[in-house]
Amino acid sequence: MMIVIRETRTVEITNIITRSEDDEPIRISGYAAVFNSRTSIGNFFDEVIKPGAFKNSINDDEADIRALFNHDWDKVLGRTKADTLSLSEDDKGLKFDLELPNTTYARDLAESMERGDIDQCSFGFVVTGEEWDYNQEPALRTITDVELYEISVVSIPAYEDTEASLVRSKDLDAKVEKRMKLLNKLNEVLKCSNI
């Protein structure tokens, strides 16, 4: 049985644009993920996301990706199926454009962003393609493909305030640590055999 692990990552929203003219809906745009930006995951391994990692998800006509506030599925800000969330990849990363609903929580979010109180974004995904490099410490995971299921505008990094992510990290960290020990042992044996 294959175990599917949902993960989240948080990044600064860059190039935030919130705009509303008269009765026009408020929009937010920016980058939910940045490519080739090395990030430490729980001080156990580093991670980079390669360009093209989101391509399959955002080009899948069956996919229905949501934009949420603080990973709260009761606070949907937009979705691809309703054409209120658009996602694309460019050289920099996963770009989004979001039309906010006329709801209390969305107006509150826009106000907090306008003041500069909220300026981070997170995304939830399942890894479907990855490469590991254990020849360095910490080990490096390169994500090549994901199943993206949501992006979130967040007030604090998502993986720090959810227990599920911490449990996921411990399971994954144990596997990485075991592989690193094995590789270190192999390197010692190889060094001894060259003497």
Protein backbone atom coordinates (compact mmCIF):
# COMPACT_ATOMS: atom_id res chain seq x y z
CA MET A 1 0.00 0.00 0.00
CA MET A 2 1.42 3.39 -0.99
CA ILE A 3 1.28 6.11 1.65
CA VAL A 4 0.51 9.58 0.31
CA ILE A 5 2.03 12.38 2.35
CA ARG A 6 0.58 15.87 2.03
CA GLU A 7 3.09 18.64 2.59
CA THR A 8 3.06 22.42 2.84
CA ARG A 9 5.73 25.06 2.31
CA THR A 10 5.68 28.78 3.10
CA VAL A 11 7.37 31.56 1.17
CA GLU A 12 7.24 35.34 1.14
CA ILE A 13 4.71 36.61 -1.38
CA THR A 14 6.71 38.66 -3.82
CA ASN A 15 5.38 41.44 -6.00
CA ILE A 16 2.09 41.64 -4.10
CA ILE A 17 -0.51 43.61 -5.93
CA THR A 18 -3.86 44.29 -4.34
CA ARG A 19 -6.15 46.39 -6.45
CA SER A 20 -9.73 47.44 -6.48
CA GLU A 21 -11.25 50.17 -8.55
CA ASP A 22 -14.71 51.29 -7.48
CA ASP A 23 -16.88 48.16 -7.44
CA GLU A 24 -14.28 45.88 -9.03
CA PRO A 25 -13.33 42.78 -7.01
CA ILE A 26 -10.09 42.97 -5.04
CA ARG A 27 -7.26 40.95 -6.60
CA ILE A 28 -4.05 39.57 -5.19
CA SER A 29 -1.16 38.39 -7.31
CA GLY A 30 2.32 37.18 -6.54
CA TYR A 31 4.40 34.01 -6.29
CA ALA A 32 3.30 31.09 -4.15
CA ALA A 33 6.60 29.24 -4.73
CA VAL A 34 10.03 30.20 -6.01
CA PHE A 35 12.15 27.81 -8.10
CA ASN A 36 15.74 26.82 -7.30
CA SER A 37 15.60 28.46 -3.87
CA ARG A 38 17.31 26.14 -1.39
CA THR A 39 15.35 25.84 1.85
CA SER A 40 16.09 23.97 5.07
CA ILE A 41 13.28 21.61 6.07
CA GLY A 42 13.35 21.13 9.81
CA ASN A 43 17.18 21.23 9.87
CA PHE A 44 17.16 17.62 8.63
CA PHE A 45 17.44 18.12 4.88
CA ASP A 46 17.45 20.90 2.31
CA GLU A 47 14.98 21.19 -0.53
CA VAL A 48 14.71 22.92 -3.89
CA ILE A 49 11.80 23.00 -6.31
CA LYS A 50 12.74 22.68 -9.96
CA PRO A 51 11.05 24.63 -12.75
CA GLY A 52 8.22 22.57 -14.21
CA ALA A 53 7.30 20.92 -10.88
CA PHE A 54 3.79 22.41 -10.94
CA LYS A 55 3.21 22.04 -14.67
CA ASN A 56 1.19 18.81 -14.54
CA SER A 57 -1.08 20.07 -11.76
CA ILE A 58 -1.85 23.46 -13.27
CA ASN A 59 -2.37 22.03 -16.77
CA ASP A 60 -4.68 19.23 -15.59
CA ASP A 61 -8.21 20.11 -16.68
CA GLU A 62 -9.60 17.86 -13.93
CA ALA A 63 -7.62 19.60 -11.16
CA ASP A 64 -9.56 21.97 -8.90
CA ILE A 65 -6.96 23.87 -6.91
CA ARG A 66 -8.16 26.21 -4.17
CA ALA A 67 -6.75 29.39 -2.67
CA LEU A 68 -7.34 29.49 1.07
CA PHE A 69 -6.69 31.81 3.97
CA ASN A 70 -4.39 30.18 6.55
CA HIS A 71 -4.99 26.67 5.12
CA ASP A 72 -8.58 26.91 6.37
CA TRP A 73 -10.87 24.99 4.01
CA ASP A 74 -13.80 27.02 5.39
CA LYS A 75 -12.16 30.22 4.06
CA VAL A 76 -11.93 29.65 0.33
CA LEU A 77 -10.60 32.73 -1.45
CA GLY A 78 -10.78 31.34 -4.96
CA ARG A 79 -10.47 28.22 -7.07
CA THR A 80 -9.31 27.29 -10.51
CA LYS A 81 -12.61 25.60 -11.41
CA ALA A 82 -14.48 28.89 -10.83
CA ASP A 83 -11.85 30.93 -12.72
CA THR A 84 -11.27 33.05 -9.62
CA LEU A 85 -7.75 31.65 -9.21
CA SER A 86 -5.26 31.39 -12.04
CA LEU A 87 -1.90 29.68 -11.74
CA SER A 88 1.05 29.67 -14.11
CA GLU A 89 4.75 28.95 -14.09
CA ASP A 90 7.39 31.36 -15.28
CA ASP A 91 11.17 31.46 -14.83
CA LYS A 92 10.81 32.64 -11.23
CA GLY A 93 8.21 30.25 -9.86
CA LEU A 94 4.53 29.47 -9.37
CA LYS A 95 2.68 32.68 -10.12
CA PHE A 96 -0.88 33.25 -8.98
CA ASP A 97 -3.63 35.76 -9.60
CA LEU A 98 -6.59 35.67 -7.26
CA GLU A 99 -9.94 37.47 -7.30
CA LEU A 100 -11.12 37.77 -3.71
CA PRO A 101 -14.76 37.13 -2.83
CA ASN A 102 -16.84 39.85 -1.21
CA THR A 103 -16.74 38.20 2.21
CA THR A 104 -15.77 39.50 5.62
CA TYR A 105 -12.65 37.34 5.90
CA ALA A 106 -11.48 38.31 2.38
CA ARG A 107 -11.96 42.04 3.07
CA ASP A 108 -10.13 41.62 6.39
CA LEU A 109 -7.30 39.84 4.58
CA ALA A 110 -7.03 42.61 1.98
CA GLU A 111 -6.85 45.21 4.77
CA SER A 112 -4.13 43.26 6.60
CA MET A 113 -2.14 42.90 3.38
CA GLU A 114 -2.53 46.57 2.58
CA ARG A 115 -1.09 47.41 6.01
CA GLY A 116 1.78 44.94 5.48
CA ASP A 117 0.72 42.66 8.33
CA ILE A 118 0.31 39.61 6.10
CA ASP A 119 2.78 38.96 3.30
CA GLN A 120 3.45 35.24 3.11
CA CYS A 121 2.07 32.45 1.04
CA SER A 122 2.08 28.70 1.47
CA PHE A 123 1.14 25.81 -0.73
CA GLY A 124 -0.08 22.28 -0.07
CA PHE A 125 1.08 19.41 -2.25
CA VAL A 126 1.87 15.74 -2.61
CA VAL A 127 5.31 14.93 -4.04
CA THR A 128 5.04 12.80 -7.19
CA GLY A 129 8.62 13.24 -8.43
CA GLU A 130 11.79 13.78 -6.42
CA GLU A 131 15.53 13.21 -6.47
CA TRP A 132 17.76 12.83 -3.40
CA ASP A 133 21.44 13.74 -3.07
CA TYR A 134 22.91 12.11 0.04
CA ASN A 135 26.50 13.08 -0.84
CA GLN A 136 26.15 16.30 1.12
CA GLU A 137 25.03 17.30 4.56
CA PRO A 138 22.31 18.00 4.98
CA ALA A 139 20.90 15.79 2.24
CA LEU A 140 19.25 17.63 -0.65
CA ARG A 141 15.80 16.75 -1.97
CA THR A 142 14.99 18.16 -5.39
CA ILE A 143 11.27 18.21 -6.10
CA THR A 144 10.60 17.65 -9.80
CA ASP A 145 6.84 17.08 -9.81
CA VAL A 146 3.96 17.66 -7.39
CA GLU A 147 0.23 17.26 -7.18
CA LEU A 148 -0.77 20.75 -6.05
CA TYR A 149 -4.06 20.91 -4.17
CA GLU A 150 -4.02 24.38 -2.60
CA ILE A 151 -2.21 27.64 -2.12
CA SER A 152 -2.80 29.75 0.98
CA VAL A 153 -2.22 33.32 1.98
CA VAL A 154 -0.96 32.93 5.55
CA SER A 155 -0.17 34.98 8.61
CA ILE A 156 2.36 32.44 9.92
CA PRO A 157 4.19 29.61 8.16
CA ALA A 158 1.84 26.67 7.77
CA TYR A 159 4.25 23.84 8.52
CA GLU A 160 5.07 25.34 11.93
CA ASP A 161 1.50 25.33 13.20
CA THR A 162 0.11 22.01 12.03
CA GLU A 163 0.80 18.78 13.83
CA ALA A 164 0.37 16.70 10.70
CA SER A 165 3.30 18.40 9.03
CA LEU A 166 5.49 17.86 12.08
CA VAL A 167 4.63 14.17 12.10
CA ARG A 168 5.41 13.99 8.40
CA SER A 169 8.75 15.66 8.98
CA LYS A 170 9.72 13.17 11.71
CA ASP A 171 8.88 10.19 9.47
CA LEU A 172 10.76 11.61 6.51
CA ASP A 173 13.66 12.77 8.69
CA ALA A 174 14.14 9.27 10.10
CA LYS A 175 14.46 7.87 6.57
CA VAL A 176 16.96 10.57 5.58
CA GLU A 177 19.01 10.00 8.74
CA LYS A 178 19.10 6.23 8.11
CA ARG A 179 20.29 6.75 4.52
CA MET A 180 22.93 9.28 5.63
CA LYS A 181 24.32 6.79 8.19
CA LEU A 182 24.48 4.07 5.53
CA LEU A 183 26.26 6.38 3.08
CA ASN A 184 28.73 7.50 5.74
CA LYS A 185 29.48 3.84 6.52
CA LEU A 186 30.01 3.08 2.82
CA ASN A 187 32.32 6.09 2.46
CA GLU A 188 34.40 4.84 5.43
CA VAL A 189 34.70 1.39 3.85
CA LEU A 190 35.71 2.91 0.50
CA LYS A 191 38.34 5.11 2.17
CA CYS A 192 39.80 2.10 3.97
CA SER A 193 39.97 0.01 0.80
CA ASN A 194 41.94 2.75 -1.04
CA ILE A 195 44.74 2.81 1.58
